[in-house]
């Protein structure tokens, strides 16, 4: 079977599983450098609904809660204005 990307080094790739916990997320559409608007909208939504941003807090299982981004497009193939990224923030009451 022929490899699609024979020069791609996967030696540092890893699969990790973790419990996300309570989060708020939003689809950001556009270039990465305009994500600040989406992040502000997430934080405003959370605050308006009685939640607090929980980034960097430690979960009961000992993991540190983090901001996450899920990239739905390949930036090498999609115009910046058409990029889609799920932005996710951990929250708590």
Foldseek 3Di string as FASTA:
>chain_A
DDDPCVPDDCPPPDDDDDDQAAKDKDKDAFAPVPCVVVVVVRCVVQVVVPKDFQAQPADPVGDGHHWDKDWPDDPVPDDRRGTIIMIMTHIGD
